[in-house]
């Protein structure tokens, strides 16, 4: 791993690299053994749209796991940028609007 990632690992020592490898392997095992279920509630999908193909469909990815139709909001950033303050603001606005619309429908 160190040979491949060299400078990326910086000050990470060999014991820490070994621990990272164990965690990665364990996460892969958990992922491979997981049995996905379905969710029957209302769902909002926030999508980091940067870098996605024009025909990317988050709804199609989630459809097998949802029993109801999902609402989707696209956020203009990459996945790792979703935690930037301005993107969190956009996400929170989307969540607030979605919750308000659900509340209005319930009345």
N, C-alpha and C. Protein backbone atom coordinates (compact mmCIF):
# COMPACT_ATOMS: atom_id res chain seq x y z
N UNK A 1 0.83 -1.18 0.00
CA UNK A 1 0.00 0.00 0.00
C UNK A 1 0.88 1.26 0.00
N UNK A 2 1.91 1.24 0.81
CA UNK A 2 2.80 2.41 0.88
C UNK A 2 3.45 2.67 -0.48
N UNK A 3 3.80 1.62 -1.21
CA UNK A 3 4.44 1.79 -2.52
C UNK A 3 3.49 2.51 -3.48
N UNK A 4 2.20 2.20 -3.40
CA UNK A 4 1.22 2.82 -4.29
C UNK A 4 0.89 4.25 -3.87
N UNK A 5 0.73 4.47 -2.57
CA UNK A 5 0.22 5.75 -2.09
C UNK A 5 1.30 6.68 -1.55
N UNK A 6 2.49 6.17 -1.34
CA UNK A 6 3.64 6.93 -0.88
C UNK A 6 3.35 8.28 -0.25
N UNK A 7 3.43 9.37 -1.03
CA UNK A 7 3.31 10.71 -0.47
C UNK A 7 1.94 11.00 0.15
N UNK A 8 0.92 10.30 -0.30
CA UNK A 8 -0.42 10.52 0.25
C UNK A 8 -0.46 10.16 1.73
N UNK A 9 0.30 9.15 2.11
CA UNK A 9 0.28 8.68 3.49
C UNK A 9 1.08 9.58 4.43
N UNK A 10 1.94 10.41 3.89
CA UNK A 10 2.68 11.37 4.69
C UNK A 10 3.32 10.75 5.92
N UNK A 11 2.91 11.23 7.10
CA UNK A 11 3.50 10.79 8.36
C UNK A 11 2.86 9.57 8.96
N UNK A 12 2.08 8.83 8.20
CA UNK A 12 1.44 7.62 8.72
C UNK A 12 2.48 6.51 8.81
N UNK A 13 2.64 5.93 10.00
CA UNK A 13 3.66 4.88 10.16
C UNK A 13 3.12 3.52 9.71
N UNK A 14 3.99 2.51 9.69
CA UNK A 14 3.62 1.19 9.18
C UNK A 14 2.49 0.55 9.99
N UNK A 15 2.49 0.73 11.31
CA UNK A 15 1.41 0.17 12.13
C UNK A 15 0.07 0.80 11.76
N UNK A 16 0.08 2.10 11.52
CA UNK A 16 -1.16 2.79 11.14
C UNK A 16 -1.62 2.36 9.75
N UNK A 17 -0.68 2.14 8.84
CA UNK A 17 -1.04 1.64 7.51
C UNK A 17 -1.67 0.26 7.64
N UNK A 18 -1.10 -0.60 8.47
CA UNK A 18 -1.66 -1.94 8.67
C UNK A 18 -3.07 -1.84 9.23
N UNK A 19 -3.30 -0.92 10.14
CA UNK A 19 -4.63 -0.73 10.71
C UNK A 19 -5.61 -0.23 9.64
N UNK A 20 -5.17 0.69 8.80
CA UNK A 20 -6.01 1.17 7.71
C UNK A 20 -6.41 0.03 6.77
N UNK A 21 -5.46 -0.84 6.47
CA UNK A 21 -5.73 -1.99 5.60
C UNK A 21 -6.76 -2.90 6.25
N UNK A 22 -6.61 -3.17 7.56
CA UNK A 22 -7.58 -4.02 8.27
C UNK A 22 -8.98 -3.41 8.26
N UNK A 23 -9.06 -2.12 8.50
CA UNK A 23 -10.36 -1.44 8.49
C UNK A 23 -10.98 -1.50 7.10
N UNK A 24 -10.18 -1.23 6.07
CA UNK A 24 -10.68 -1.29 4.70
C UNK A 24 -11.19 -2.68 4.37
N UNK A 25 -10.40 -3.71 4.71
CA UNK A 25 -10.82 -5.09 4.45
C UNK A 25 -12.10 -5.43 5.20
N UNK A 26 -12.20 -5.00 6.45
CA UNK A 26 -13.40 -5.27 7.24
C UNK A 26 -14.62 -4.58 6.62
N UNK A 27 -14.46 -3.33 6.20
CA UNK A 27 -15.56 -2.61 5.56
C UNK A 27 -16.01 -3.31 4.28
N UNK A 28 -15.07 -3.81 3.50
CA UNK A 28 -15.41 -4.54 2.28
C UNK A 28 -16.17 -5.82 2.61
N UNK A 29 -15.75 -6.52 3.65
CA UNK A 29 -16.45 -7.74 4.08
C UNK A 29 -17.87 -7.42 4.52
N UNK A 30 -18.03 -6.39 5.32
CA UNK A 30 -19.36 -5.99 5.78
C UNK A 30 -20.25 -5.63 4.59
N UNK A 31 -19.71 -4.88 3.64
CA UNK A 31 -20.47 -4.49 2.45
C UNK A 31 -20.91 -5.72 1.67
N UNK A 32 -20.00 -6.65 1.47
CA UNK A 32 -20.31 -7.83 0.67
C UNK A 32 -21.34 -8.74 1.33
N UNK A 33 -21.39 -8.76 2.65
CA UNK A 33 -22.31 -9.64 3.37
C UNK A 33 -23.65 -8.99 3.69
N UNK A 34 -23.75 -7.69 3.48
CA UNK A 34 -24.97 -6.96 3.86
C UNK A 34 -26.14 -7.33 2.95
N UNK A 35 -27.28 -7.58 3.56
CA UNK A 35 -28.51 -7.84 2.80
C UNK A 35 -29.34 -6.56 2.83
N UNK A 36 -29.49 -5.92 1.69
CA UNK A 36 -30.22 -4.66 1.63
C UNK A 36 -31.71 -4.92 1.76
N UNK A 37 -32.36 -4.09 2.54
CA UNK A 37 -33.80 -4.18 2.72
C UNK A 37 -34.50 -3.09 1.94
N UNK A 38 -35.74 -2.82 2.31
CA UNK A 38 -36.49 -1.73 1.68
C UNK A 38 -36.99 -0.78 2.75
N UNK A 39 -37.23 0.46 2.34
CA UNK A 39 -37.73 1.49 3.23
C UNK A 39 -39.08 1.94 2.71
N UNK A 40 -40.07 2.02 3.59
CA UNK A 40 -41.43 2.34 3.17
C UNK A 40 -41.87 3.75 3.44
N UNK A 41 -40.98 4.62 3.88
CA UNK A 41 -41.38 5.99 4.19
C UNK A 41 -41.06 6.95 3.07
N UNK A 42 -41.41 8.22 3.31
CA UNK A 42 -41.07 9.27 2.37
C UNK A 42 -39.55 9.44 2.36
N UNK A 43 -39.00 9.72 1.19
CA UNK A 43 -37.54 9.78 1.05
C UNK A 43 -37.13 11.00 0.24
N UNK A 44 -36.11 11.68 0.72
CA UNK A 44 -35.49 12.78 -0.02
C UNK A 44 -34.06 12.36 -0.32
N UNK A 45 -33.70 12.42 -1.58
CA UNK A 45 -32.33 12.08 -2.00
C UNK A 45 -31.62 13.37 -2.38
N UNK A 46 -30.52 13.66 -1.70
CA UNK A 46 -29.68 14.80 -2.04
C UNK A 46 -28.53 14.28 -2.88
N UNK A 47 -28.39 14.82 -4.08
CA UNK A 47 -27.40 14.32 -5.03
C UNK A 47 -26.33 15.37 -5.30
N UNK A 48 -25.08 15.01 -5.07
CA UNK A 48 -23.96 15.86 -5.48
C UNK A 48 -23.79 15.64 -6.98
N UNK A 49 -24.18 16.63 -7.77
CA UNK A 49 -24.29 16.39 -9.21
C UNK A 49 -23.00 16.55 -9.99
N UNK A 50 -21.99 17.19 -9.42
CA UNK A 50 -20.74 17.40 -10.14
C UNK A 50 -20.08 16.06 -10.45
N UNK A 51 -19.69 15.89 -11.71
CA UNK A 51 -19.01 14.67 -12.12
C UNK A 51 -19.95 13.54 -12.49
N UNK A 52 -21.26 13.76 -12.38
CA UNK A 52 -22.22 12.72 -12.76
C UNK A 52 -22.49 12.82 -14.26
N UNK A 53 -22.75 11.68 -14.87
CA UNK A 53 -23.11 11.66 -16.29
C UNK A 53 -24.49 12.30 -16.45
N UNK A 54 -24.77 12.81 -17.63
CA UNK A 54 -26.05 13.46 -17.89
C UNK A 54 -27.22 12.51 -17.68
N UNK A 55 -27.01 11.22 -17.92
CA UNK A 55 -28.10 10.25 -17.78
C UNK A 55 -28.13 9.58 -16.40
N UNK A 56 -27.35 10.09 -15.45
CA UNK A 56 -27.33 9.52 -14.10
C UNK A 56 -28.70 9.66 -13.45
N UNK A 57 -29.19 8.57 -12.88
CA UNK A 57 -30.51 8.56 -12.25
C UNK A 57 -30.41 8.02 -10.82
N UNK A 58 -30.36 8.91 -9.83
CA UNK A 58 -30.34 8.42 -8.45
C UNK A 58 -31.62 7.67 -8.10
N UNK A 59 -32.73 8.09 -8.72
CA UNK A 59 -34.00 7.40 -8.47
C UNK A 59 -33.91 5.93 -8.88
N UNK A 60 -33.28 5.67 -10.01
CA UNK A 60 -33.14 4.28 -10.47
C UNK A 60 -32.26 3.47 -9.52
N UNK A 61 -31.25 4.10 -8.95
CA UNK A 61 -30.39 3.39 -7.99
C UNK A 61 -31.14 3.05 -6.71
N UNK A 62 -31.99 3.96 -6.26
CA UNK A 62 -32.69 3.78 -4.99
C UNK A 62 -33.99 2.99 -5.13
N UNK A 63 -34.56 2.96 -6.33
CA UNK A 63 -35.87 2.33 -6.53
C UNK A 63 -36.01 0.93 -5.94
N UNK A 64 -35.03 0.05 -6.07
CA UNK A 64 -35.19 -1.29 -5.51
C UNK A 64 -35.28 -1.31 -3.98
N UNK A 65 -34.88 -0.21 -3.34
CA UNK A 65 -34.82 -0.17 -1.88
C UNK A 65 -35.93 0.66 -1.26
N UNK A 66 -36.80 1.24 -2.10
CA UNK A 66 -37.87 2.10 -1.61
C UNK A 66 -39.21 1.58 -2.08
N UNK A 67 -40.22 1.70 -1.24
CA UNK A 67 -41.57 1.29 -1.66
C UNK A 67 -42.39 2.48 -2.11
N UNK A 68 -41.88 3.68 -1.87
CA UNK A 68 -42.54 4.90 -2.34
C UNK A 68 -41.58 5.66 -3.24
N UNK A 69 -42.15 6.56 -4.01
CA UNK A 69 -41.33 7.40 -4.88
C UNK A 69 -40.51 8.37 -4.04
N UNK A 70 -39.30 8.62 -4.45
CA UNK A 70 -38.41 9.54 -3.73
C UNK A 70 -38.38 10.90 -4.41
N UNK A 71 -38.24 11.94 -3.60
CA UNK A 71 -37.98 13.28 -4.13
C UNK A 71 -36.46 13.43 -4.23
N UNK A 72 -36.02 14.13 -5.26
CA UNK A 72 -34.58 14.29 -5.49
C UNK A 72 -34.23 15.77 -5.63
N UNK A 73 -33.17 16.18 -4.97
CA UNK A 73 -32.64 17.54 -5.11
C UNK A 73 -31.17 17.41 -5.47
N UNK A 74 -30.79 18.11 -6.52
CA UNK A 74 -29.40 18.08 -6.97
C UNK A 74 -28.66 19.29 -6.39
N UNK A 75 -27.51 19.01 -5.80
CA UNK A 75 -26.67 20.04 -5.21
C UNK A 75 -25.47 20.24 -6.14
N UNK A 76 -25.14 21.49 -6.51
CA UNK A 76 -24.09 21.74 -7.51
C UNK A 76 -22.67 21.63 -6.94
N UNK A 77 -22.28 20.39 -6.63
CA UNK A 77 -20.93 20.17 -6.09
C UNK A 77 -20.58 18.70 -6.25
N UNK A 78 -19.33 18.38 -5.92
CA UNK A 78 -18.90 16.99 -5.88
C UNK A 78 -19.29 16.37 -4.54
N UNK A 79 -19.24 15.05 -4.47
CA UNK A 79 -19.68 14.35 -3.26
C UNK A 79 -18.94 14.82 -2.01
N UNK A 80 -17.62 14.93 -2.10
CA UNK A 80 -16.85 15.32 -0.91
C UNK A 80 -17.04 16.79 -0.55
N UNK A 81 -17.65 17.57 -1.43
CA UNK A 81 -17.91 18.98 -1.14
C UNK A 81 -19.25 19.21 -0.46
N UNK A 82 -20.03 18.16 -0.27
CA UNK A 82 -21.36 18.30 0.33
C UNK A 82 -21.29 18.88 1.74
N UNK A 83 -20.16 18.77 2.41
CA UNK A 83 -20.03 19.27 3.78
C UNK A 83 -19.51 20.71 3.85
N UNK A 84 -19.27 21.33 2.70
CA UNK A 84 -18.87 22.73 2.72
C UNK A 84 -20.05 23.57 3.19
N UNK A 85 -19.80 24.63 3.96
CA UNK A 85 -20.90 25.43 4.53
C UNK A 85 -21.95 25.87 3.51
N UNK A 86 -21.52 26.34 2.34
CA UNK A 86 -22.50 26.81 1.37
C UNK A 86 -23.34 25.67 0.80
N UNK A 87 -22.75 24.48 0.68
CA UNK A 87 -23.50 23.33 0.20
C UNK A 87 -24.44 22.80 1.29
N UNK A 88 -23.98 22.83 2.53
CA UNK A 88 -24.86 22.44 3.64
C UNK A 88 -26.05 23.38 3.72
N UNK A 89 -25.83 24.66 3.42
CA UNK A 89 -26.94 25.61 3.39
C UNK A 89 -27.96 25.24 2.32
N UNK A 90 -27.48 24.88 1.14
CA UNK A 90 -28.39 24.46 0.06
C UNK A 90 -29.12 23.17 0.45
N UNK A 91 -28.38 22.25 1.05
CA UNK A 91 -29.00 20.99 1.46
C UNK A 91 -30.06 21.25 2.53
N UNK A 92 -29.75 22.10 3.49
CA UNK A 92 -30.72 22.40 4.55
C UNK A 92 -31.96 23.08 3.97
N UNK A 93 -31.78 23.99 3.02
CA UNK A 93 -32.93 24.62 2.36
C UNK A 93 -33.80 23.57 1.69
N UNK A 94 -33.17 22.62 1.02
CA UNK A 94 -33.91 21.55 0.34
C UNK A 94 -34.67 20.69 1.34
N UNK A 95 -34.02 20.34 2.43
CA UNK A 95 -34.68 19.53 3.46
C UNK A 95 -35.85 20.30 4.07
N UNK A 96 -35.65 21.57 4.36
CA UNK A 96 -36.72 22.40 4.95
C UNK A 96 -37.92 22.49 4.02
N UNK A 97 -37.67 22.74 2.73
CA UNK A 97 -38.77 22.81 1.76
C UNK A 97 -39.49 21.47 1.64
N UNK A 98 -38.74 20.39 1.62
CA UNK A 98 -39.33 19.06 1.51
C UNK A 98 -40.20 18.75 2.73
N UNK A 99 -39.69 19.06 3.92
CA UNK A 99 -40.47 18.82 5.14
C UNK A 99 -41.72 19.69 5.18
N UNK A 100 -41.61 20.94 4.75
CA UNK A 100 -42.78 21.83 4.73
C UNK A 100 -43.84 21.29 3.77
N UNK A 101 -43.42 20.83 2.60
CA UNK A 101 -44.37 20.27 1.63
C UNK A 101 -45.05 19.02 2.19
N UNK A 102 -44.30 18.19 2.87
CA UNK A 102 -44.89 16.98 3.49
C UNK A 102 -45.90 17.37 4.55
N UNK A 103 -45.56 18.38 5.33
CA UNK A 103 -46.45 18.85 6.40
C UNK A 103 -47.76 19.39 5.81
N UNK A 104 -47.66 20.16 4.72
CA UNK A 104 -48.85 20.70 4.06
C UNK A 104 -49.74 19.59 3.52
N UNK A 105 -49.14 18.55 2.96
CA UNK A 105 -49.93 17.43 2.43
C UNK A 105 -50.64 16.67 3.54
N UNK A 106 -50.01 16.63 4.72
CA UNK A 106 -50.58 15.88 5.84
C UNK A 106 -51.78 16.61 6.46
N UNK A 107 -51.86 17.92 6.27
CA UNK A 107 -52.95 18.71 6.88
C UNK A 107 -54.25 18.55 6.17
